[in-house]
């Protein structure tokens, strides 16, 4: 997934929409992470990338239905509901997650309003990056947003956030080396310590850093504009 995100980011920077679309189809392996890349493509009107991603995804889906049966998706949804129910009753999973959906499990009837509010806050932090920053920075920080709002993001998924390190390194002070160490060490540490909430704090802090702290270099923006 990290390689797919890196390919997606590099493709957008090089104006290769067809390749960005192919990388988007690979990201569909973890559907919860698709929201941010799709939102980014819609904002910058990268219609070719969306079409290529859609066609690249439809092909394998049709082949799977032909090989197995049309009931494949009904069985998949049934299994997914069962997995979610199991995760909801599994305290180990809830303490190891870094997404708002898992972290709010103990709030009872206030859980879904809290999820919606937190997700909107995360999107609200990320949208200024898309509007005011280098478009490539918005692409690099898409994994951060995707992890926060994903319904299935465990602490080890934080390795995907390594895609944002080049952007974070442009902020003062230059923290690339410490952030690389954090990106590699933090996920297994949080799983072991059952402190996934700290991962969510880290992701949210990184988003805010990119959104509100100007870059220290004079690199010009990529020619990708809505």
C-alpha atoms as a PDB file:
ATOM      1  CA  UNK A   1       0.000   0.000   0.000  1.00  0.00           C
ATOM      2  CA  UNK A   2       2.881   2.361   0.743  1.00  0.00           C
ATOM      3  CA  UNK A   3       4.333   1.709  -2.717  1.00  0.00           C
ATOM      4  CA  UNK A   4       0.912   2.313  -4.293  1.00  0.00           C
ATOM      5  CA  UNK A   5       0.643   5.666  -2.503  1.00  0.00           C
ATOM      6  CA  UNK A   6       4.175   6.615  -3.531  1.00  0.00           C
ATOM      7  CA  UNK A   7       3.374   5.671  -7.125  1.00  0.00           C
ATOM      8  CA  UNK A   8       0.165   7.698  -6.968  1.00  0.00           C
ATOM      9  CA  UNK A   9       2.027  10.749  -5.653  1.00  0.00           C
ATOM     10  CA  UNK A  10       4.867  10.474  -8.176  1.00  0.00           C
ATOM     11  CA  UNK A  11       2.411   9.997 -11.055  1.00  0.00           C
ATOM     12  CA  UNK A  12       0.507  13.152 -10.154  1.00  0.00           C
ATOM     13  CA  UNK A  13       3.741  15.102  -9.890  1.00  0.00           C
ATOM     14  CA  UNK A  14       4.768  13.927 -13.366  1.00  0.00           C
ATOM     15  CA  UNK A  15       1.300  14.583 -14.834  1.00  0.00           C
ATOM     16  CA  UNK A  16       0.815  10.900 -15.690  1.00  0.00           C
ATOM     17  CA  UNK A  17      -2.857  10.504 -15.012  1.00  0.00           C
ATOM     18  CA  UNK A  18      -3.124   6.992 -16.439  1.00  0.00           C
ATOM     19  CA  UNK A  19      -0.453   5.731 -14.029  1.00  0.00           C
ATOM     20  CA  UNK A  20      -2.098   7.558 -11.126  1.00  0.00           C
ATOM     21  CA  UNK A  21      -5.327   5.763 -12.028  1.00  0.00           C
ATOM     22  CA  UNK A  22      -3.592   2.376 -11.993  1.00  0.00           C
ATOM     23  CA  UNK A  23      -2.121   3.120  -8.565  1.00  0.00           C
ATOM     24  CA  UNK A  24      -5.579   4.174  -7.398  1.00  0.00           C
ATOM     25  CA  UNK A  25      -6.947   0.769  -8.396  1.00  0.00           C
ATOM     26  CA  UNK A  26      -4.255  -0.906  -6.266  1.00  0.00           C
ATOM     27  CA  UNK A  27      -5.245   1.255  -3.284  1.00  0.00           C
ATOM     28  CA  UNK A  28      -8.726  -0.268  -3.602  1.00  0.00           C
ATOM     29  CA  UNK A  29      -7.266  -3.301  -1.830  1.00  0.00           C
ATOM     30  CA  UNK A  30      -7.864  -1.225   1.309  1.00  0.00           C
ATOM     31  CA  UNK A  31     -11.060   0.681   0.408  1.00  0.00           C
ATOM     32  CA  UNK A  32     -11.006   2.791   3.545  1.00  0.00           C
ATOM     33  CA  UNK A  33      -7.938   4.621   2.237  1.00  0.00           C
ATOM     34  CA  UNK A  34      -9.527   5.557  -1.092  1.00  0.00           C
ATOM     35  CA  UNK A  35     -11.481   8.602   0.090  1.00  0.00           C
ATOM     36  CA  UNK A  36      -8.558  11.042   0.258  1.00  0.00           C
ATOM     37  CA  UNK A  37      -6.984  10.159  -3.139  1.00  0.00           C
ATOM     38  CA  UNK A  38     -10.386  10.257  -4.862  1.00  0.00           C
ATOM     39  CA  UNK A  39     -11.195  13.602  -3.214  1.00  0.00           C
ATOM     40  CA  UNK A  40      -7.819  14.918  -4.391  1.00  0.00           C
ATOM     41  CA  UNK A  41      -8.451  13.819  -7.991  1.00  0.00           C
ATOM     42  CA  UNK A  42     -11.925  15.351  -7.957  1.00  0.00           C
ATOM     43  CA  UNK A  43     -10.610  18.643  -6.571  1.00  0.00           C
ATOM     44  CA  UNK A  44      -7.921  18.919  -9.249  1.00  0.00           C
ATOM     45  CA  UNK A  45     -10.261  17.586 -11.965  1.00  0.00           C
ATOM     46  CA  UNK A  46      -8.047  14.678 -12.902  1.00  0.00           C
ATOM     47  CA  UNK A  47     -10.853  12.892 -14.750  1.00  0.00           C
ATOM     48  CA  UNK A  48      -8.577  10.622 -16.770  1.00  0.00           C
ATOM     49  CA  UNK A  49      -7.001   9.225 -13.602  1.00  0.00           C
ATOM     50  CA  UNK A  50     -10.447   8.503 -12.152  1.00  0.00           C
ATOM     51  CA  UNK A  51     -11.594   6.794 -15.363  1.00  0.00           C
ATOM     52  CA  UNK A  52      -8.452   4.684 -15.647  1.00  0.00           C
ATOM     53  CA  UNK A  53      -8.700   3.708 -11.981  1.00  0.00           C
ATOM     54  CA  UNK A  54     -12.348   2.746 -12.416  1.00  0.00           C
ATOM     55  CA  UNK A  55     -11.717   0.635 -15.521  1.00  0.00           C
ATOM     56  CA  UNK A  56      -8.612  -0.969 -13.982  1.00  0.00           C
ATOM     57  CA  UNK A  57     -10.713  -1.946 -10.972  1.00  0.00           C
ATOM     58  CA  UNK A  58     -13.773  -3.162 -12.896  1.00  0.00           C
ATOM     59  CA  UNK A  59     -11.773  -5.654 -14.987  1.00  0.00           C
ATOM     60  CA  UNK A  60     -10.515  -7.799 -12.097  1.00  0.00           C
ATOM     61  CA  UNK A  61     -13.901  -7.569 -10.356  1.00  0.00           C
ATOM     62  CA  UNK A  62     -15.713  -8.939 -13.410  1.00  0.00           C
ATOM     63  CA  UNK A  63     -13.128 -11.707 -13.770  1.00  0.00           C
ATOM     64  CA  UNK A  64     -13.560 -12.703 -10.123  1.00  0.00           C
ATOM     65  CA  UNK A  65     -17.327 -12.851 -10.529  1.00  0.00           C
ATOM     66  CA  UNK A  66     -16.931 -14.985 -13.654  1.00  0.00           C
ATOM     67  CA  UNK A  67     -14.505 -17.393 -11.987  1.00  0.00           C
ATOM     68  CA  UNK A  68     -16.432 -17.728  -8.731  1.00  0.00           C
ATOM     69  CA  UNK A  69     -20.052 -16.512  -8.795  1.00  0.00           C
ATOM     70  CA  UNK A  70     -22.116 -13.316  -8.523  1.00  0.00           C
ATOM     71  CA  UNK A  71     -22.756 -14.249  -4.875  1.00  0.00           C
ATOM     72  CA  UNK A  72     -19.086 -13.466  -4.199  1.00  0.00           C
ATOM     73  CA  UNK A  73     -19.911  -9.912  -3.137  1.00  0.00           C
ATOM     74  CA  UNK A  74     -22.808 -10.951  -0.916  1.00  0.00           C
ATOM     75  CA  UNK A  75     -20.486 -13.387   0.843  1.00  0.00           C
ATOM     76  CA  UNK A  76     -17.827 -10.678   1.101  1.00  0.00           C
ATOM     77  CA  UNK A  77     -20.246  -8.184   2.695  1.00  0.00           C
ATOM     78  CA  UNK A  78     -21.427 -10.860   5.141  1.00  0.00           C
ATOM     79  CA  UNK A  79     -17.849 -11.635   6.122  1.00  0.00           C
ATOM     80  CA  UNK A  80     -17.097  -7.916   6.463  1.00  0.00           C
ATOM     81  CA  UNK A  81     -20.040  -7.354   8.805  1.00  0.00           C
ATOM     82  CA  UNK A  82     -18.885 -10.306  10.909  1.00  0.00           C
ATOM     83  CA  UNK A  83     -15.333  -8.948  11.052  1.00  0.00           C
ATOM     84  CA  UNK A  84     -16.578  -5.501  12.127  1.00  0.00           C
ATOM     85  CA  UNK A  85     -18.715  -7.066  14.862  1.00  0.00           C
ATOM     86  CA  UNK A  86     -15.734  -9.060  16.100  1.00  0.00           C
ATOM     87  CA  UNK A  87     -13.519  -5.994  16.078  1.00  0.00           C
ATOM     88  CA  UNK A  88     -16.115  -3.993  17.948  1.00  0.00           C
ATOM     89  CA  UNK A  89     -16.049  -6.483  20.826  1.00  0.00           C
ATOM     90  CA  UNK A  90     -12.275  -6.915  20.759  1.00  0.00           C
ATOM     91  CA  UNK A  91     -10.620  -4.475  23.138  1.00  0.00           C
ATOM     92  CA  UNK A  92      -7.175  -5.295  21.738  1.00  0.00           C
ATOM     93  CA  UNK A  93      -8.271  -4.087  18.292  1.00  0.00           C
ATOM     94  CA  UNK A  94      -9.857  -0.917  19.656  1.00  0.00           C
ATOM     95  CA  UNK A  95      -6.759   0.042  21.614  1.00  0.00           C
ATOM     96  CA  UNK A  96      -4.468  -0.663  18.651  1.00  0.00           C
ATOM     97  CA  UNK A  97      -6.389   1.345  16.047  1.00  0.00           C
ATOM     98  CA  UNK A  98      -5.271   4.771  14.880  1.00  0.00           C
ATOM     99  CA  UNK A  99      -8.527   5.768  13.158  1.00  0.00           C
ATOM    100  CA  UNK A 100     -11.340   7.825  14.629  1.00  0.00           C
ATOM    101  CA  UNK A 101     -13.841   5.009  14.004  1.00  0.00           C
ATOM    102  CA  UNK A 102     -12.038   2.612  16.327  1.00  0.00           C
ATOM    103  CA  UNK A 103     -10.960   5.162  18.915  1.00  0.00           C
ATOM    104  CA  UNK A 104     -14.555   6.318  19.522  1.00  0.00           C
ATOM    105  CA  UNK A 105     -15.936   2.820  20.112  1.00  0.00           C
ATOM    106  CA  UNK A 106     -16.574   3.348  23.836  1.00  0.00           C
ATOM    107  CA  UNK A 107     -18.719   6.483  23.394  1.00  0.00           C
ATOM    108  CA  UNK A 108     -22.003   4.574  23.049  1.00  0.00           C
ATOM    109  CA  UNK A 109     -24.801   6.506  21.299  1.00  0.00           C
ATOM    110  CA  UNK A 110     -22.498   9.516  20.845  1.00  0.00           C
ATOM    111  CA  UNK A 111     -20.062   7.468  18.792  1.00  0.00           C
ATOM    112  CA  UNK A 112     -21.324   8.261  15.284  1.00  0.00           C
ATOM    113  CA  UNK A 113     -21.748  12.016  15.886  1.00  0.00           C
ATOM    114  CA  UNK A 114     -18.190  11.998  17.252  1.00  0.00           C
ATOM    115  CA  UNK A 115     -16.894  10.100  14.203  1.00  0.00           C
ATOM    116  CA  UNK A 116     -18.584  12.534  11.815  1.00  0.00           C
ATOM    117  CA  UNK A 117     -17.277  15.551  13.745  1.00  0.00           C
ATOM    118  CA  UNK A 118     -13.705  14.234  13.906  1.00  0.00           C
ATOM    119  CA  UNK A 119     -13.710  13.208  10.240  1.00  0.00           C
ATOM    120  CA  UNK A 120     -14.965  16.657   9.223  1.00  0.00           C
ATOM    121  CA  UNK A 121     -12.227  18.254  11.326  1.00  0.00           C
ATOM    122  CA  UNK A 122      -9.583  16.122   9.595  1.00  0.00           C
ATOM    123  CA  UNK A 123     -10.954  16.987   6.143  1.00  0.00           C
ATOM    124  CA  UNK A 124     -11.124  20.641   7.207  1.00  0.00           C
ATOM    125  CA  UNK A 125      -7.433  20.555   8.098  1.00  0.00           C
ATOM    126  CA  UNK A 126      -6.517  18.836   4.832  1.00  0.00           C
ATOM    127  CA  UNK A 127      -8.534  20.975   2.396  1.00  0.00           C
ATOM    128  CA  UNK A 128      -6.416  24.119   3.002  1.00  0.00           C
ATOM    129  CA  UNK A 129      -3.401  22.042   1.951  1.00  0.00           C
ATOM    130  CA  UNK A 130      -5.135  21.301  -1.361  1.00  0.00           C
ATOM    131  CA  UNK A 131      -6.169  24.953  -1.811  1.00  0.00           C
ATOM    132  CA  UNK A 132      -3.101  26.868  -0.665  1.00  0.00           C
ATOM    133  CA  UNK A 133      -0.111  24.532  -0.730  1.00  0.00           C
ATOM    134  CA  UNK A 134       1.812  22.796  -3.457  1.00  0.00           C
ATOM    135  CA  UNK A 135      -0.594  20.248  -5.009  1.00  0.00           C
ATOM    136  CA  UNK A 136       2.055  17.583  -4.550  1.00  0.00           C
ATOM    137  CA  UNK A 137       1.906  18.253  -0.809  1.00  0.00           C
ATOM    138  CA  UNK A 138      -1.808  17.499  -0.842  1.00  0.00           C
ATOM    139  CA  UNK A 139      -1.043  14.171  -2.529  1.00  0.00           C
ATOM    140  CA  UNK A 140       1.706  13.344  -0.024  1.00  0.00           C
ATOM    141  CA  UNK A 141      -0.582  14.041   2.925  1.00  0.00           C
ATOM    142  CA  UNK A 142      -3.520  12.057   1.513  1.00  0.00           C
ATOM    143  CA  UNK A 143      -2.352   8.907   3.386  1.00  0.00           C
ATOM    144  CA  UNK A 144      -2.515  10.837   6.679  1.00  0.00           C
ATOM    145  CA  UNK A 145      -6.139  11.794   6.071  1.00  0.00           C
ATOM    146  CA  UNK A 146      -6.989   8.316   4.791  1.00  0.00           C
ATOM    147  CA  UNK A 147      -5.681   6.649   7.951  1.00  0.00           C
ATOM    148  CA  UNK A 148      -7.602   8.983  10.248  1.00  0.00           C
ATOM    149  CA  UNK A 149     -10.989   8.481   8.598  1.00  0.00           C
ATOM    150  CA  UNK A 150     -10.584   4.837   7.597  1.00  0.00           C
ATOM    151  CA  UNK A 151     -12.916   2.386   9.391  1.00  0.00           C
ATOM    152  CA  UNK A 152     -10.153  -0.263   9.427  1.00  0.00           C
ATOM    153  CA  UNK A 153      -6.785   1.284  10.291  1.00  0.00           C
ATOM    154  CA  UNK A 154      -4.570  -0.383  12.872  1.00  0.00           C
ATOM    155  CA  UNK A 155      -1.397   1.051  14.305  1.00  0.00           C
ATOM    156  CA  UNK A 156       0.833  -0.920  11.944  1.00  0.00           C
ATOM    157  CA  UNK A 157      -0.905   0.845   9.037  1.00  0.00           C
ATOM    158  CA  UNK A 158       0.942   3.989  10.136  1.00  0.00           C
ATOM    159  CA  UNK A 159       3.825   2.844   7.930  1.00  0.00           C
ATOM    160  CA  UNK A 160       1.735   4.207   5.023  1.00  0.00           C
ATOM    161  CA  UNK A 161       2.241   7.683   6.495  1.00  0.00           C
ATOM    162  CA  UNK A 162       5.914   7.486   5.486  1.00  0.00           C
ATOM    163  CA  UNK A 163       4.733   8.854   2.126  1.00  0.00           C
ATOM    164  CA  UNK A 164       4.319  12.249   3.805  1.00  0.00           C
ATOM    165  CA  UNK A 165       7.880  12.464   5.138  1.00  0.00           C
ATOM    166  CA  UNK A 166       9.378  14.430   2.189  1.00  0.00           C
ATOM    167  CA  UNK A 167       6.708  17.105   2.693  1.00  0.00           C
ATOM    168  CA  UNK A 168       7.174  17.219   6.468  1.00  0.00           C
ATOM    169  CA  UNK A 169      10.922  17.597   5.967  1.00  0.00           C
ATOM    170  CA  UNK A 170      10.284  20.943   4.236  1.00  0.00           C
ATOM    171  CA  UNK A 171       8.951  22.383   7.489  1.00  0.00           C
ATOM    172  CA  UNK A 172      11.191  24.000  10.133  1.00  0.00           C
ATOM    173  CA  UNK A 173      13.033  22.487  11.805  1.00  0.00           C
ATOM    174  CA  UNK A 174      14.048  19.791   9.320  1.00  0.00           C
ATOM    175  CA  UNK A 175      12.908  16.622  11.035  1.00  0.00           C
ATOM    176  CA  UNK A 176      13.279  14.061   8.255  1.00  0.00           C
ATOM    177  CA  UNK A 177      15.576  11.657  10.119  1.00  0.00           C
ATOM    178  CA  UNK A 178      13.556  11.676  13.385  1.00  0.00           C
ATOM    179  CA  UNK A 179      10.309  11.307  11.427  1.00  0.00           C
ATOM    180  CA  UNK A 180      11.669   8.336   9.483  1.00  0.00           C
ATOM    181  CA  UNK A 181      12.604   6.695  12.775  1.00  0.00           C
ATOM    182  CA  UNK A 182       9.173   7.525  14.196  1.00  0.00           C
ATOM    183  CA  UNK A 183       7.415   6.180  11.104  1.00  0.00           C
ATOM    184  CA  UNK A 184       9.264   2.872  11.388  1.00  0.00           C
ATOM    185  CA  UNK A 185       9.307   2.457  15.175  1.00  0.00           C
ATOM    186  CA  UNK A 186       5.959   3.971  16.175  1.00  0.00           C
ATOM    187  CA  UNK A 187       3.600   1.413  14.549  1.00  0.00           C
ATOM    188  CA  UNK A 188       4.932  -1.760  16.245  1.00  0.00           C
ATOM    189  CA  UNK A 189       5.449   0.144  19.500  1.00  0.00           C
ATOM    190  CA  UNK A 190       1.839   1.340  19.551  1.00  0.00           C
ATOM    191  CA  UNK A 191       0.562  -2.164  18.794  1.00  0.00           C
ATOM    192  CA  UNK A 192       2.617  -3.565  21.662  1.00  0.00           C
ATOM    193  CA  UNK A 193       1.610  -0.800  24.081  1.00  0.00           C
ATOM    194  CA  UNK A 194      -2.031  -0.709  22.888  1.00  0.00           C
ATOM    195  CA  UNK A 195      -1.852   3.066  22.453  1.00  0.00           C
ATOM    196  CA  UNK A 196      -3.224   3.527  18.941  1.00  0.00           C
ATOM    197  CA  UNK A 197      -4.711   6.872  19.965  1.00  0.00           C
ATOM    198  CA  UNK A 198      -1.180   8.270  20.041  1.00  0.00           C
ATOM    199  CA  UNK A 199      -0.899   7.383  16.344  1.00  0.00           C
ATOM    200  CA  UNK A 200      -4.051   9.399  15.622  1.00  0.00           C
ATOM    201  CA  UNK A 201      -2.564  12.366  17.485  1.00  0.00           C
ATOM    202  CA  UNK A 202       0.627  12.022  15.440  1.00  0.00           C
ATOM    203  CA  UNK A 203      -1.285  11.891  12.137  1.00  0.00           C
ATOM    204  CA  UNK A 204      -3.435  14.903  13.043  1.00  0.00           C
ATOM    205  CA  UNK A 205      -0.359  16.868  14.160  1.00  0.00           C
ATOM    206  CA  UNK A 206       1.440  16.121  10.882  1.00  0.00           C
ATOM    207  CA  UNK A 207      -1.586  17.320   8.895  1.00  0.00           C
ATOM    208  CA  UNK A 208      -1.750  20.549  10.886  1.00  0.00           C
ATOM    209  CA  UNK A 209       1.995  21.084  10.457  1.00  0.00           C
ATOM    210  CA  UNK A 210       1.735  20.917   6.670  1.00  0.00           C
ATOM    211  CA  UNK A 211      -1.476  22.975   6.566  1.00  0.00           C
ATOM    212  CA  UNK A 212      -0.389  25.899   8.727  1.00  0.00           C
ATOM    213  CA  UNK A 213       3.436  26.033   8.701  1.00  0.00           C
ATOM    214  CA  UNK A 214       4.998  27.340   5.443  1.00  0.00           C
ATOM    215  CA  UNK A 215       7.737  25.339   3.754  1.00  0.00           C
ATOM    216  CA  UNK A 216      11.267  26.612   4.254  1.00  0.00           C
ATOM    217  CA  UNK A 217      12.460  25.987   0.696  1.00  0.00           C
ATOM    218  CA  UNK A 218      11.561  27.984  -2.379  1.00  0.00           C
ATOM    219  CA  UNK A 219      10.366  25.072  -4.489  1.00  0.00           C
ATOM    220  CA  UNK A 220       7.621  26.144  -6.857  1.00  0.00           C
ATOM    221  CA  UNK A 221       4.274  24.385  -7.040  1.00  0.00           C
ATOM    222  CA  UNK A 222       3.569  21.574  -9.424  1.00  0.00           C
ATOM    223  CA  UNK A 223       1.524  22.647 -12.427  1.00  0.00           C
ATOM    224  CA  UNK A 224      -1.508  20.716 -11.194  1.00  0.00           C
ATOM    225  CA  UNK A 225      -4.382  23.085 -10.563  1.00  0.00           C
ATOM    226  CA  UNK A 226      -8.170  22.714 -10.500  1.00  0.00           C
END
